[in-house]
């Protein structure tokens, strides 16, 4: 989950629907991206940081929670193991 992004959108009073419209995607797709179920494209991340929150670094806005980082690391480890 992108907690920093969620907090930025909340502070700026940007609804998920408005954010989805801004990105040109469905509201459910935006929800999935914000909750880390699907990935943001580089274009979506760049547009978000350039227009909505230029005062923050992209690394901060799209920082994942520790749990998600552990899941990514575990998945990467399984991929490496399966290719050797």
N, C-alpha and C. Protein backbone atom coordinates (compact mmCIF):
# COMPACT_ATOMS: atom_id res chain seq x y z
N UNK A 1 0.84 -1.18 0.00
CA UNK A 1 0.00 0.00 0.00
C UNK A 1 0.89 1.24 0.00
N UNK A 2 0.48 2.20 -0.76
CA UNK A 2 1.23 3.46 -0.83
C UNK A 2 0.62 4.46 0.15
N UNK A 3 1.00 4.34 1.41
CA UNK A 3 0.43 5.18 2.46
C UNK A 3 0.75 6.66 2.24
N UNK A 4 1.96 6.97 1.78
CA UNK A 4 2.32 8.37 1.55
C UNK A 4 1.46 8.97 0.45
N UNK A 5 1.26 8.23 -0.62
CA UNK A 5 0.39 8.72 -1.70
C UNK A 5 -1.03 8.92 -1.18
N UNK A 6 -1.54 7.96 -0.43
CA UNK A 6 -2.88 8.10 0.14
C UNK A 6 -3.00 9.36 0.99
N UNK A 7 -2.00 9.60 1.82
CA UNK A 7 -2.04 10.77 2.70
C UNK A 7 -1.96 12.07 1.90
N UNK A 8 -1.13 12.09 0.88
CA UNK A 8 -1.02 13.29 0.04
C UNK A 8 -2.35 13.57 -0.64
N UNK A 9 -2.98 12.55 -1.21
CA UNK A 9 -4.27 12.74 -1.87
C UNK A 9 -5.31 13.22 -0.86
N UNK A 10 -5.31 12.65 0.34
CA UNK A 10 -6.26 13.06 1.38
C UNK A 10 -6.05 14.52 1.76
N UNK A 11 -4.79 14.90 2.00
CA UNK A 11 -4.50 16.29 2.39
C UNK A 11 -4.90 17.29 1.31
N UNK A 12 -4.75 16.88 0.07
CA UNK A 12 -5.08 17.78 -1.04
C UNK A 12 -6.54 17.65 -1.47
N UNK A 13 -7.29 16.83 -0.69
CA UNK A 13 -8.72 16.64 -0.94
C UNK A 13 -9.00 16.12 -2.36
N UNK A 14 -8.17 15.18 -2.79
CA UNK A 14 -8.33 14.54 -4.09
C UNK A 14 -8.92 13.15 -3.86
N UNK A 15 -10.11 12.93 -4.36
CA UNK A 15 -10.76 11.64 -4.19
C UNK A 15 -10.11 10.61 -5.11
N UNK A 16 -10.36 9.35 -4.81
CA UNK A 16 -9.85 8.28 -5.68
C UNK A 16 -10.44 8.42 -7.08
N UNK A 17 -11.71 8.78 -7.15
CA UNK A 17 -12.38 8.98 -8.45
C UNK A 17 -11.69 10.09 -9.23
N UNK A 18 -11.42 11.21 -8.58
CA UNK A 18 -10.76 12.34 -9.25
C UNK A 18 -9.36 11.96 -9.69
N UNK A 19 -8.66 11.22 -8.83
CA UNK A 19 -7.30 10.77 -9.17
C UNK A 19 -7.34 9.82 -10.36
N UNK A 20 -8.32 8.92 -10.38
CA UNK A 20 -8.47 8.00 -11.50
C UNK A 20 -8.74 8.77 -12.79
N UNK A 21 -9.63 9.74 -12.73
CA UNK A 21 -9.92 10.58 -13.90
C UNK A 21 -8.67 11.30 -14.38
N UNK A 22 -7.90 11.82 -13.43
CA UNK A 22 -6.65 12.51 -13.74
C UNK A 22 -5.68 11.59 -14.50
N UNK A 23 -5.61 10.33 -14.06
CA UNK A 23 -4.71 9.36 -14.70
C UNK A 23 -5.30 8.75 -15.97
N UNK A 24 -6.62 8.90 -16.15
CA UNK A 24 -7.28 8.31 -17.31
C UNK A 24 -7.51 6.82 -17.16
N UNK A 25 -7.80 6.39 -15.91
CA UNK A 25 -8.04 4.98 -15.62
C UNK A 25 -9.33 4.86 -14.83
N UNK A 26 -9.82 3.63 -14.70
CA UNK A 26 -11.03 3.38 -13.93
C UNK A 26 -10.75 3.58 -12.44
N UNK A 27 -11.79 3.93 -11.69
CA UNK A 27 -11.63 4.14 -10.26
C UNK A 27 -11.13 2.88 -9.56
N UNK A 28 -11.65 1.71 -9.94
CA UNK A 28 -11.22 0.45 -9.34
C UNK A 28 -9.74 0.19 -9.64
N UNK A 29 -9.29 0.54 -10.82
CA UNK A 29 -7.88 0.38 -11.18
C UNK A 29 -7.01 1.28 -10.31
N UNK A 30 -7.47 2.51 -10.08
CA UNK A 30 -6.73 3.43 -9.21
C UNK A 30 -6.67 2.88 -7.79
N UNK A 31 -7.78 2.32 -7.30
CA UNK A 31 -7.79 1.72 -5.97
C UNK A 31 -6.78 0.58 -5.89
N UNK A 32 -6.77 -0.27 -6.90
CA UNK A 32 -5.83 -1.40 -6.93
C UNK A 32 -4.38 -0.91 -6.92
N UNK A 33 -4.10 0.14 -7.65
CA UNK A 33 -2.75 0.69 -7.71
C UNK A 33 -2.35 1.29 -6.36
N UNK A 34 -3.22 2.06 -5.77
CA UNK A 34 -2.94 2.70 -4.49
C UNK A 34 -2.72 1.65 -3.40
N UNK A 35 -3.46 0.55 -3.47
CA UNK A 35 -3.33 -0.51 -2.47
C UNK A 35 -2.24 -1.52 -2.82
N UNK A 36 -1.49 -1.27 -3.90
CA UNK A 36 -0.35 -2.11 -4.24
C UNK A 36 -0.71 -3.43 -4.90
N UNK A 37 -1.94 -3.58 -5.34
CA UNK A 37 -2.35 -4.82 -6.00
C UNK A 37 -1.87 -4.88 -7.45
N UNK A 38 -1.79 -3.72 -8.08
CA UNK A 38 -1.24 -3.61 -9.43
C UNK A 38 -0.23 -2.46 -9.42
N UNK A 39 0.64 -2.47 -10.39
CA UNK A 39 1.71 -1.47 -10.45
C UNK A 39 1.29 -0.19 -11.16
N UNK A 40 1.87 0.91 -10.72
CA UNK A 40 1.76 2.16 -11.45
C UNK A 40 2.72 2.10 -12.62
N UNK A 41 2.35 2.72 -13.72
CA UNK A 41 3.30 2.87 -14.82
C UNK A 41 4.23 4.03 -14.48
N UNK A 42 5.35 4.08 -15.13
CA UNK A 42 6.28 5.20 -14.91
C UNK A 42 5.59 6.50 -15.29
N UNK A 43 4.81 6.49 -16.35
CA UNK A 43 4.08 7.70 -16.76
C UNK A 43 3.11 8.18 -15.71
N UNK A 44 2.39 7.25 -15.10
CA UNK A 44 1.43 7.62 -14.04
C UNK A 44 2.15 8.19 -12.82
N UNK A 45 3.25 7.57 -12.46
CA UNK A 45 4.02 8.05 -11.31
C UNK A 45 4.61 9.43 -11.59
N UNK A 46 5.14 9.59 -12.78
CA UNK A 46 5.73 10.88 -13.16
C UNK A 46 4.67 11.98 -13.19
N UNK A 47 3.53 11.68 -13.78
CA UNK A 47 2.43 12.66 -13.86
C UNK A 47 1.96 13.04 -12.45
N UNK A 48 1.84 12.04 -11.59
CA UNK A 48 1.42 12.29 -10.21
C UNK A 48 2.38 13.24 -9.51
N UNK A 49 3.67 12.93 -9.61
CA UNK A 49 4.66 13.73 -8.90
C UNK A 49 4.87 15.11 -9.53
N UNK A 50 4.75 15.20 -10.81
CA UNK A 50 4.97 16.48 -11.50
C UNK A 50 3.82 17.46 -11.26
N UNK A 51 2.59 16.95 -11.29
CA UNK A 51 1.44 17.84 -11.23
C UNK A 51 0.79 17.89 -9.85
N UNK A 52 0.60 16.75 -9.21
CA UNK A 52 -0.12 16.73 -7.94
C UNK A 52 0.77 17.07 -6.75
N UNK A 53 1.97 16.52 -6.75
CA UNK A 53 2.81 16.73 -5.56
C UNK A 53 4.28 16.95 -5.92
N UNK A 54 4.57 18.03 -6.62
CA UNK A 54 5.96 18.30 -7.01
C UNK A 54 6.88 18.61 -5.82
N UNK A 55 6.28 18.86 -4.66
CA UNK A 55 7.08 19.17 -3.47
C UNK A 55 7.68 17.91 -2.84
N UNK A 56 7.29 16.73 -3.33
CA UNK A 56 7.80 15.47 -2.79
C UNK A 56 8.62 14.72 -3.83
N UNK A 57 9.57 13.95 -3.36
CA UNK A 57 10.35 13.08 -4.23
C UNK A 57 9.52 11.84 -4.57
N UNK A 58 9.68 11.33 -5.79
CA UNK A 58 8.94 10.17 -6.23
C UNK A 58 9.16 8.97 -5.29
N UNK A 59 10.38 8.83 -4.79
CA UNK A 59 10.70 7.71 -3.91
C UNK A 59 9.86 7.76 -2.63
N UNK A 60 9.56 8.97 -2.17
CA UNK A 60 8.73 9.12 -0.97
C UNK A 60 7.27 8.82 -1.29
N UNK A 61 6.77 9.40 -2.36
CA UNK A 61 5.35 9.24 -2.71
C UNK A 61 5.02 7.77 -2.93
N UNK A 62 5.91 7.05 -3.61
CA UNK A 62 5.64 5.66 -3.98
C UNK A 62 6.41 4.66 -3.12
N UNK A 63 6.69 5.05 -1.89
CA UNK A 63 7.34 4.14 -0.95
C UNK A 63 6.30 3.13 -0.47
N UNK A 64 6.67 1.83 -0.52
CA UNK A 64 5.75 0.78 -0.09
C UNK A 64 5.94 0.49 1.39
N UNK A 65 4.93 -0.11 1.98
CA UNK A 65 5.03 -0.51 3.38
C UNK A 65 6.03 -1.65 3.52
N UNK A 66 6.50 -1.89 4.73
CA UNK A 66 7.49 -2.94 4.98
C UNK A 66 6.96 -4.31 4.58
N UNK A 67 5.70 -4.57 4.82
CA UNK A 67 5.10 -5.86 4.48
C UNK A 67 5.20 -6.10 2.98
N UNK A 68 4.88 -5.10 2.19
CA UNK A 68 4.94 -5.25 0.73
C UNK A 68 6.37 -5.45 0.27
N UNK A 69 7.30 -4.74 0.88
CA UNK A 69 8.70 -4.92 0.50
C UNK A 69 9.14 -6.36 0.78
N UNK A 70 8.71 -6.93 1.90
CA UNK A 70 9.05 -8.31 2.23
C UNK A 70 8.45 -9.27 1.21
N UNK A 71 7.22 -9.00 0.77
CA UNK A 71 6.58 -9.85 -0.23
C UNK A 71 7.31 -9.77 -1.56
N UNK A 72 7.75 -8.59 -1.96
CA UNK A 72 8.49 -8.41 -3.20
C UNK A 72 9.81 -9.17 -3.13
N UNK A 73 10.51 -9.06 -2.00
CA UNK A 73 11.78 -9.75 -1.82
C UNK A 73 11.58 -11.26 -1.87
N UNK A 74 10.53 -11.76 -1.22
CA UNK A 74 10.25 -13.19 -1.22
C UNK A 74 9.92 -13.68 -2.62
N UNK A 75 9.14 -12.92 -3.37
CA UNK A 75 8.79 -13.28 -4.74
C UNK A 75 10.03 -13.29 -5.61
N UNK A 76 10.89 -12.31 -5.46
CA UNK A 76 12.13 -12.25 -6.25
C UNK A 76 13.01 -13.46 -5.93
N UNK A 77 13.06 -13.86 -4.67
CA UNK A 77 13.84 -15.02 -4.28
C UNK A 77 13.31 -16.29 -4.90
N UNK A 78 11.98 -16.42 -4.99
CA UNK A 78 11.39 -17.59 -5.62
C UNK A 78 11.70 -17.62 -7.11
N UNK A 79 11.69 -16.45 -7.74
CA UNK A 79 11.99 -16.38 -9.18
C UNK A 79 13.43 -16.79 -9.45
N UNK A 80 14.34 -16.33 -8.63
CA UNK A 80 15.75 -16.69 -8.80
C UNK A 80 15.93 -18.19 -8.60
N UNK A 81 15.30 -18.74 -7.58
CA UNK A 81 15.41 -20.17 -7.29
C UNK A 81 14.85 -21.02 -8.42
N UNK A 82 13.79 -20.56 -9.05
CA UNK A 82 13.17 -21.34 -10.12
C UNK A 82 13.95 -21.29 -11.43
N UNK A 83 14.83 -20.32 -11.58
CA UNK A 83 15.61 -20.21 -12.81
C UNK A 83 16.97 -20.89 -12.71
N UNK A 84 17.35 -21.35 -11.53
CA UNK A 84 18.65 -22.00 -11.38
C UNK A 84 18.53 -23.49 -11.38
